[in-house]
Amino acid sequence: MEILVSDDKKYYPDCVTIRETVFVQEQNVPLEMEIDEYEDECVHVLLLLDNEPAGTVRYRKYDDTTVKIERMAVLKEHRGKHFGMNLMYFVHLHAKSKGFTWAKLGAQTHAIPFYEKIGYQVSSGEFDDAGIPHVDMICSL
């Protein structure tokens, strides 16, 4: 397993391919909602397994102390192997090295237990995002 940061957009196409597979094809999120206005300002992270893309996540500055983590996705055949947790821990360390002290995200409600295991707490009521129930969550880095 290898985790790569795509600051120069080198790995961005692989990240988008994973997101399209998971969010657009599996979860029926419209492509025009999946690819958004924040693509260029985000740090895109790619997880490779045996040199093949297996997962991705992105984050961006939310304010001076906080990053917003978005688009965390692991391909179906690689789920249940803790790759999502590895991606999240990597993002936490990377963001902390840049001086951030908090992370927030919008979690699909089925994923709340996953995020709680790594220190997130629900910080909002339930809301709809692309037809999928979500909650906001926050975590100290």
N, C-alpha and C. Protein backbone atom coordinates (compact mmCIF):
# COMPACT_ATOMS: atom_id res chain seq x y z
N MET A 1 0.85 -1.18 0.00
CA MET A 1 0.00 0.00 0.00
C MET A 1 0.89 1.24 0.00
N GLU A 2 0.50 2.20 -0.81
CA GLU A 2 1.23 3.46 -0.90
C GLU A 2 0.20 4.59 -0.96
N ILE A 3 0.46 5.68 -0.25
CA ILE A 3 -0.43 6.83 -0.26
C ILE A 3 0.34 8.01 -0.84
N LEU A 4 -0.23 8.63 -1.86
CA LEU A 4 0.42 9.71 -2.59
C LEU A 4 -0.41 10.98 -2.53
N VAL A 5 0.28 12.12 -2.41
CA VAL A 5 -0.38 13.42 -2.42
C VAL A 5 -0.21 14.02 -3.79
N SER A 6 -1.30 14.48 -4.36
CA SER A 6 -1.29 15.01 -5.72
C SER A 6 -1.33 16.53 -5.70
N ASP A 7 -0.32 17.16 -5.08
CA ASP A 7 -0.26 18.62 -5.06
C ASP A 7 -0.14 19.18 -6.47
N ASP A 8 0.53 18.45 -7.35
CA ASP A 8 0.74 18.92 -8.72
C ASP A 8 -0.29 18.37 -9.70
N LYS A 9 -1.34 17.72 -9.19
CA LYS A 9 -2.43 17.15 -9.98
C LYS A 9 -2.01 15.92 -10.78
N LYS A 10 -0.81 15.39 -10.52
CA LYS A 10 -0.34 14.20 -11.24
C LYS A 10 -1.29 13.02 -11.07
N TYR A 11 -1.81 12.83 -9.86
CA TYR A 11 -2.67 11.69 -9.57
C TYR A 11 -4.15 12.03 -9.62
N TYR A 12 -4.44 13.27 -9.93
CA TYR A 12 -5.84 13.73 -9.93
C TYR A 12 -6.75 12.88 -10.82
N PRO A 13 -6.36 12.53 -12.05
CA PRO A 13 -7.25 11.70 -12.88
C PRO A 13 -7.63 10.37 -12.22
N ASP A 14 -6.69 9.73 -11.54
CA ASP A 14 -7.00 8.49 -10.84
C ASP A 14 -7.97 8.73 -9.69
N CYS A 15 -7.79 9.85 -8.99
CA CYS A 15 -8.71 10.20 -7.90
C CYS A 15 -10.13 10.37 -8.43
N VAL A 16 -10.26 11.08 -9.53
CA VAL A 16 -11.58 11.32 -10.12
C VAL A 16 -12.21 10.02 -10.60
N THR A 17 -11.43 9.14 -11.18
CA THR A 17 -11.96 7.85 -11.64
C THR A 17 -12.55 7.06 -10.47
N ILE A 18 -11.87 7.04 -9.34
CA ILE A 18 -12.39 6.34 -8.16
C ILE A 18 -13.67 7.01 -7.69
N ARG A 19 -13.68 8.33 -7.61
CA ARG A 19 -14.87 9.06 -7.17
C ARG A 19 -16.05 8.81 -8.10
N GLU A 20 -15.81 8.80 -9.39
CA GLU A 20 -16.90 8.54 -10.34
C GLU A 20 -17.44 7.13 -10.15
N THR A 21 -16.57 6.16 -9.91
CA THR A 21 -17.01 4.78 -9.69
C THR A 21 -17.88 4.69 -8.44
N VAL A 22 -17.39 5.25 -7.33
CA VAL A 22 -18.08 5.11 -6.05
C VAL A 22 -19.31 6.02 -5.97
N PHE A 23 -19.14 7.30 -6.24
CA PHE A 23 -20.24 8.23 -6.01
C PHE A 23 -21.24 8.29 -7.17
N VAL A 24 -20.74 8.36 -8.40
CA VAL A 24 -21.64 8.51 -9.55
C VAL A 24 -22.27 7.16 -9.93
N GLN A 25 -21.45 6.13 -10.12
CA GLN A 25 -21.99 4.84 -10.55
C GLN A 25 -22.70 4.08 -9.44
N GLU A 26 -22.09 3.99 -8.25
CA GLU A 26 -22.68 3.20 -7.16
C GLU A 26 -23.80 3.94 -6.43
N GLN A 27 -23.59 5.25 -6.19
CA GLN A 27 -24.52 5.99 -5.34
C GLN A 27 -25.41 6.95 -6.11
N ASN A 28 -25.28 6.99 -7.42
CA ASN A 28 -26.13 7.81 -8.29
C ASN A 28 -26.04 9.31 -8.02
N VAL A 29 -24.87 9.78 -7.60
CA VAL A 29 -24.65 11.22 -7.46
C VAL A 29 -24.43 11.77 -8.87
N PRO A 30 -25.13 12.83 -9.25
CA PRO A 30 -24.91 13.40 -10.59
C PRO A 30 -23.46 13.87 -10.76
N LEU A 31 -22.87 13.57 -11.91
CA LEU A 31 -21.49 13.94 -12.18
C LEU A 31 -21.26 15.43 -11.98
N GLU A 32 -22.24 16.25 -12.35
CA GLU A 32 -22.06 17.70 -12.20
C GLU A 32 -22.03 18.14 -10.74
N MET A 33 -22.49 17.29 -9.83
CA MET A 33 -22.37 17.59 -8.40
C MET A 33 -21.06 17.03 -7.84
N GLU A 34 -20.59 15.94 -8.40
CA GLU A 34 -19.38 15.29 -7.91
C GLU A 34 -18.13 16.11 -8.21
N ILE A 35 -18.02 16.60 -9.41
CA ILE A 35 -16.89 17.46 -9.79
C ILE A 35 -17.35 18.89 -9.54
N ASP A 36 -16.68 19.57 -8.61
CA ASP A 36 -17.19 20.88 -8.19
C ASP A 36 -16.15 21.99 -8.30
N GLU A 37 -16.53 23.15 -7.80
CA GLU A 37 -15.69 24.35 -7.91
C GLU A 37 -14.46 24.32 -7.00
N TYR A 38 -14.34 23.31 -6.13
CA TYR A 38 -13.21 23.25 -5.20
C TYR A 38 -12.07 22.36 -5.69
N GLU A 39 -12.21 21.76 -6.85
CA GLU A 39 -11.20 20.80 -7.33
C GLU A 39 -9.79 21.38 -7.32
N ASP A 40 -9.63 22.61 -7.80
CA ASP A 40 -8.29 23.18 -7.93
C ASP A 40 -7.67 23.59 -6.60
N GLU A 41 -8.48 23.87 -5.60
CA GLU A 41 -7.91 24.31 -4.31
C GLU A 41 -7.67 23.15 -3.35
N CYS A 42 -8.13 21.96 -3.70
CA CYS A 42 -7.99 20.81 -2.81
C CYS A 42 -6.64 20.12 -2.95
N VAL A 43 -6.23 19.49 -1.85
CA VAL A 43 -5.13 18.54 -1.88
C VAL A 43 -5.77 17.19 -2.12
N HIS A 44 -5.40 16.54 -3.20
CA HIS A 44 -5.97 15.23 -3.57
C HIS A 44 -5.00 14.13 -3.15
N VAL A 45 -5.54 13.10 -2.50
CA VAL A 45 -4.73 12.01 -1.97
C VAL A 45 -5.19 10.71 -2.63
N LEU A 46 -4.23 9.91 -3.06
CA LEU A 46 -4.51 8.65 -3.75
C LEU A 46 -3.86 7.49 -3.00
N LEU A 47 -4.63 6.44 -2.78
CA LEU A 47 -4.09 5.22 -2.18
C LEU A 47 -3.92 4.19 -3.29
N LEU A 48 -2.70 3.65 -3.39
CA LEU A 48 -2.41 2.61 -4.37
C LEU A 48 -2.22 1.29 -3.65
N LEU A 49 -2.71 0.24 -4.25
CA LEU A 49 -2.50 -1.12 -3.76
C LEU A 49 -1.90 -1.89 -4.92
N ASP A 50 -0.69 -2.38 -4.74
CA ASP A 50 0.03 -3.06 -5.82
C ASP A 50 0.07 -2.18 -7.07
N ASN A 51 0.36 -0.91 -6.87
CA ASN A 51 0.47 0.09 -7.94
C ASN A 51 -0.84 0.38 -8.67
N GLU A 52 -1.96 -0.06 -8.13
CA GLU A 52 -3.27 0.20 -8.73
C GLU A 52 -4.08 1.10 -7.81
N PRO A 53 -4.76 2.13 -8.36
CA PRO A 53 -5.59 3.00 -7.53
C PRO A 53 -6.68 2.21 -6.80
N ALA A 54 -6.80 2.46 -5.48
CA ALA A 54 -7.78 1.73 -4.67
C ALA A 54 -8.66 2.66 -3.85
N GLY A 55 -8.18 3.87 -3.54
CA GLY A 55 -8.96 4.79 -2.73
C GLY A 55 -8.46 6.21 -2.89
N THR A 56 -9.30 7.15 -2.44
CA THR A 56 -8.94 8.56 -2.55
C THR A 56 -9.67 9.37 -1.50
N VAL A 57 -9.16 10.54 -1.24
CA VAL A 57 -9.80 11.54 -0.39
C VAL A 57 -9.19 12.88 -0.78
N ARG A 58 -9.90 13.94 -0.48
CA ARG A 58 -9.34 15.27 -0.72
C ARG A 58 -9.61 16.13 0.50
N TYR A 59 -8.82 17.20 0.63
CA TYR A 59 -9.12 18.18 1.67
C TYR A 59 -8.72 19.56 1.20
N ARG A 60 -9.33 20.55 1.87
CA ARG A 60 -9.05 21.94 1.53
C ARG A 60 -9.13 22.78 2.80
N LYS A 61 -8.51 23.94 2.73
CA LYS A 61 -8.57 24.87 3.85
C LYS A 61 -10.01 25.34 4.01
N TYR A 62 -10.52 25.27 5.23
CA TYR A 62 -11.85 25.78 5.55
C TYR A 62 -11.73 27.14 6.22
N ASP A 63 -10.83 27.25 7.20
CA ASP A 63 -10.48 28.53 7.81
C ASP A 63 -9.05 28.38 8.32
N ASP A 64 -8.56 29.33 9.09
CA ASP A 64 -7.16 29.32 9.50
C ASP A 64 -6.76 28.11 10.35
N THR A 65 -7.71 27.47 11.02
CA THR A 65 -7.38 26.35 11.89
C THR A 65 -7.96 25.01 11.41
N THR A 66 -8.84 25.06 10.42
CA THR A 66 -9.65 23.88 10.08
C THR A 66 -9.54 23.53 8.60
N VAL A 67 -9.48 22.21 8.34
CA VAL A 67 -9.60 21.71 6.97
C VAL A 67 -10.95 21.03 6.82
N LYS A 68 -11.42 21.01 5.59
CA LYS A 68 -12.65 20.30 5.25
C LYS A 68 -12.24 19.09 4.42
N ILE A 69 -12.55 17.90 4.94
CA ILE A 69 -12.22 16.66 4.26
C ILE A 69 -13.43 16.22 3.45
N GLU A 70 -13.18 15.84 2.21
CA GLU A 70 -14.28 15.54 1.29
C GLU A 70 -13.91 14.37 0.38
N ARG A 71 -14.95 13.77 -0.20
CA ARG A 71 -14.83 12.79 -1.28
C ARG A 71 -13.98 11.58 -0.91
N MET A 72 -14.12 11.09 0.32
CA MET A 72 -13.40 9.90 0.73
C MET A 72 -14.08 8.69 0.11
N ALA A 73 -13.32 7.92 -0.66
CA ALA A 73 -13.90 6.78 -1.37
C ALA A 73 -12.87 5.67 -1.53
N VAL A 74 -13.32 4.44 -1.30
CA VAL A 74 -12.51 3.25 -1.52
C VAL A 74 -13.30 2.35 -2.47
N LEU A 75 -12.63 1.83 -3.48
CA LEU A 75 -13.31 0.94 -4.42
C LEU A 75 -13.87 -0.27 -3.68
N LYS A 76 -15.02 -0.73 -4.14
CA LYS A 76 -15.77 -1.80 -3.47
C LYS A 76 -14.91 -3.02 -3.14
N GLU A 77 -14.07 -3.44 -4.07
CA GLU A 77 -13.28 -4.65 -3.86
C GLU A 77 -12.20 -4.49 -2.79
N HIS A 78 -11.97 -3.25 -2.34
CA HIS A 78 -10.95 -3.00 -1.33
C HIS A 78 -11.53 -2.54 0.01
N ARG A 79 -12.84 -2.53 0.13
CA ARG A 79 -13.46 -2.09 1.39
C ARG A 79 -13.31 -3.16 2.46
N GLY A 80 -13.36 -2.70 3.71
CA GLY A 80 -13.25 -3.62 4.84
C GLY A 80 -11.82 -4.01 5.17
N LYS A 81 -10.86 -3.34 4.57
CA LYS A 81 -9.44 -3.66 4.79
C LYS A 81 -8.70 -2.51 5.47
N HIS A 82 -9.45 -1.56 6.02
CA HIS A 82 -8.92 -0.40 6.76
C HIS A 82 -8.22 0.63 5.88
N PHE A 83 -8.42 0.57 4.56
CA PHE A 83 -7.80 1.56 3.69
C PHE A 83 -8.40 2.95 3.91
N GLY A 84 -9.69 3.01 4.19
CA GLY A 84 -10.32 4.28 4.48
C GLY A 84 -9.72 4.93 5.72
N MET A 85 -9.48 4.12 6.74
CA MET A 85 -8.86 4.63 7.96
C MET A 85 -7.43 5.11 7.67
N ASN A 86 -6.71 4.36 6.87
CA ASN A 86 -5.35 4.78 6.50
C ASN A 86 -5.38 6.11 5.76
N LEU A 87 -6.31 6.28 4.84
CA LEU A 87 -6.44 7.56 4.15
C LEU A 87 -6.73 8.70 5.11
N MET A 88 -7.65 8.47 6.04
CA MET A 88 -8.02 9.53 6.98
C MET A 88 -6.85 9.89 7.90
N TYR A 89 -6.14 8.89 8.42
CA TYR A 89 -4.98 9.17 9.28
C TYR A 89 -3.92 9.94 8.50
N PHE A 90 -3.72 9.56 7.24
CA PHE A 90 -2.75 10.27 6.40
C PHE A 90 -3.15 11.74 6.25
N VAL A 91 -4.42 11.98 5.94
CA VAL A 91 -4.89 13.37 5.77
C VAL A 91 -4.71 14.14 7.07
N HIS A 92 -5.04 13.53 8.19
CA HIS A 92 -4.87 14.21 9.49
C HIS A 92 -3.41 14.63 9.69
N LEU A 93 -2.48 13.71 9.44
CA LEU A 93 -1.06 14.03 9.61
C LEU A 93 -0.61 15.10 8.61
N HIS A 94 -1.05 14.98 7.39
CA HIS A 94 -0.65 15.95 6.35
C HIS A 94 -1.18 17.34 6.69
N ALA A 95 -2.44 17.43 7.07
CA ALA A 95 -3.05 18.73 7.42
C ALA A 95 -2.40 19.31 8.68
N LYS A 96 -2.12 18.45 9.66
CA LYS A 96 -1.48 18.92 10.89
C LYS A 96 -0.09 19.47 10.59
N SER A 97 0.63 18.84 9.66
CA SER A 97 1.97 19.32 9.29
C SER A 97 1.91 20.68 8.61
N LYS A 98 0.74 21.05 8.10
CA LYS A 98 0.55 22.36 7.47
C LYS A 98 0.02 23.39 8.46
N GLY A 99 -0.12 23.00 9.74
CA GLY A 99 -0.52 23.94 10.78
C GLY A 99 -1.98 23.93 11.16
N PHE A 100 -2.77 23.04 10.58
CA PHE A 100 -4.19 22.96 10.92
C PHE A 100 -4.37 22.15 12.21
N THR A 101 -5.40 22.50 12.99
CA THR A 101 -5.65 21.83 14.26
C THR A 101 -7.01 21.13 14.32
N TRP A 102 -7.85 21.37 13.34
CA TRP A 102 -9.20 20.77 13.30
C TRP A 102 -9.49 20.27 11.90
N ALA A 103 -10.35 19.25 11.85
CA ALA A 103 -10.87 18.75 10.57
C ALA A 103 -12.38 18.62 10.69
N LYS A 104 -13.07 18.97 9.63
CA LYS A 104 -14.52 18.77 9.58
C LYS A 104 -14.86 18.06 8.29
N LEU A 105 -16.01 17.43 8.28
CA LEU A 105 -16.46 16.73 7.08
C LEU A 105 -17.96 16.53 7.14
N GLY A 106 -18.55 16.26 6.00
CA GLY A 106 -19.94 15.87 5.90
C GLY A 106 -19.97 14.36 5.68
N ALA A 107 -20.46 13.62 6.66
CA ALA A 107 -20.45 12.15 6.58
C ALA A 107 -21.81 11.62 6.17
N GLN A 108 -21.81 10.65 5.27
CA GLN A 108 -23.04 9.92 5.01
C GLN A 108 -23.41 9.23 6.32
N THR A 109 -24.69 9.24 6.66
CA THR A 109 -25.10 8.76 7.99
C THR A 109 -24.68 7.31 8.25
N HIS A 110 -24.64 6.48 7.23
CA HIS A 110 -24.21 5.09 7.45
C HIS A 110 -22.74 5.01 7.87
N ALA A 111 -21.97 6.06 7.59
CA ALA A 111 -20.53 6.06 7.89
C ALA A 111 -20.19 6.71 9.23
N ILE A 112 -21.20 7.17 9.97
CA ILE A 112 -20.94 7.82 11.26
C ILE A 112 -20.07 6.94 12.17
N PRO A 113 -20.38 5.65 12.36
CA PRO A 113 -19.54 4.83 13.25
C PRO A 113 -18.07 4.76 12.80
N PHE A 114 -17.83 4.73 11.50
CA PHE A 114 -16.47 4.72 10.96
C PHE A 114 -15.72 5.97 11.42
N TYR A 115 -16.34 7.14 11.24
CA TYR A 115 -15.68 8.38 11.61
C TYR A 115 -15.56 8.54 13.12
N GLU A 116 -16.52 8.05 13.87
CA GLU A 116 -16.43 8.12 15.34
C GLU A 116 -15.24 7.31 15.84
N LYS A 117 -14.91 6.20 15.19
CA LYS A 117 -13.76 5.38 15.60
C LYS A 117 -12.45 6.14 15.51
N ILE A 118 -12.39 7.15 14.64
CA ILE A 118 -11.14 7.90 14.49
C ILE A 118 -11.23 9.29 15.12
N GLY A 119 -12.22 9.47 15.99
CA GLY A 119 -12.26 10.67 16.80
C GLY A 119 -13.23 11.76 16.42
N TYR A 120 -14.03 11.54 15.39
CA TYR A 120 -15.00 12.56 14.97
C TYR A 120 -16.24 12.53 15.85
N GLN A 121 -16.85 13.71 16.00
CA GLN A 121 -18.10 13.84 16.72
C GLN A 121 -19.11 14.52 15.80
N VAL A 122 -20.34 14.07 15.85
CA VAL A 122 -21.41 14.69 15.06
C VAL A 122 -21.60 16.12 15.55
N SER A 123 -21.68 17.07 14.62
CA SER A 123 -21.80 18.48 14.99
C SER A 123 -22.99 19.17 14.33
N SER A 124 -23.90 18.38 13.74
CA SER A 124 -25.09 18.97 13.12
C SER A 124 -26.21 17.94 13.12
N GLY A 125 -27.38 18.41 12.76
CA GLY A 125 -28.48 17.50 12.50
C GLY A 125 -28.32 16.90 11.12
N GLU A 126 -29.19 15.99 10.78
CA GLU A 126 -29.14 15.32 9.49
C GLU A 126 -29.58 16.27 8.39
N PHE A 127 -28.90 16.19 7.24
CA PHE A 127 -29.28 16.98 6.07
C PHE A 127 -29.08 16.13 4.82
N ASP A 128 -29.68 16.57 3.73
CA ASP A 128 -29.59 15.86 2.46
C ASP A 128 -28.49 16.48 1.61
N ASP A 129 -27.64 15.63 1.05
CA ASP A 129 -26.63 16.07 0.09
C ASP A 129 -26.66 15.08 -1.06
N ALA A 130 -27.05 15.53 -2.22
CA ALA A 130 -27.14 14.69 -3.43
C ALA A 130 -28.08 13.50 -3.23
N GLY A 131 -29.13 13.70 -2.43
CA GLY A 131 -30.09 12.65 -2.20
C GLY A 131 -29.67 11.62 -1.17
N ILE A 132 -28.58 11.90 -0.46
CA ILE A 132 -28.03 10.97 0.53
C ILE A 132 -28.01 11.67 1.89
N PRO A 133 -28.55 11.03 2.96
CA PRO A 133 -28.53 11.66 4.28
C PRO A 133 -27.10 11.80 4.82
N HIS A 134 -26.80 12.99 5.33
CA HIS A 134 -25.48 13.32 5.87
C HIS A 134 -25.62 14.00 7.22
N VAL A 135 -24.50 14.07 7.96
CA VAL A 135 -24.34 14.92 9.13
C VAL A 135 -22.95 15.55 9.04
N ASP A 136 -22.80 16.72 9.64
CA ASP A 136 -21.47 17.31 9.77
C ASP A 136 -20.79 16.67 10.98
N MET A 137 -19.47 16.49 10.86
CA MET A 137 -18.68 15.94 11.96
C MET A 137 -17.40 16.74 12.08
N ILE A 138 -16.83 16.77 13.28
CA ILE A 138 -15.60 17.53 13.52
C ILE A 138 -14.67 16.72 14.41
N CYS A 139 -13.35 16.97 14.24
CA CYS A 139 -12.34 16.23 14.98
C CYS A 139 -11.13 17.12 15.23
N SER A 140 -10.55 17.01 16.40
CA SER A 140 -9.29 17.69 16.69
C SER A 140 -8.15 16.90 16.06
N LEU A 141 -7.23 17.61 15.43
CA LEU A 141 -6.07 16.93 14.84
C LEU A 141 -4.97 16.82 15.88
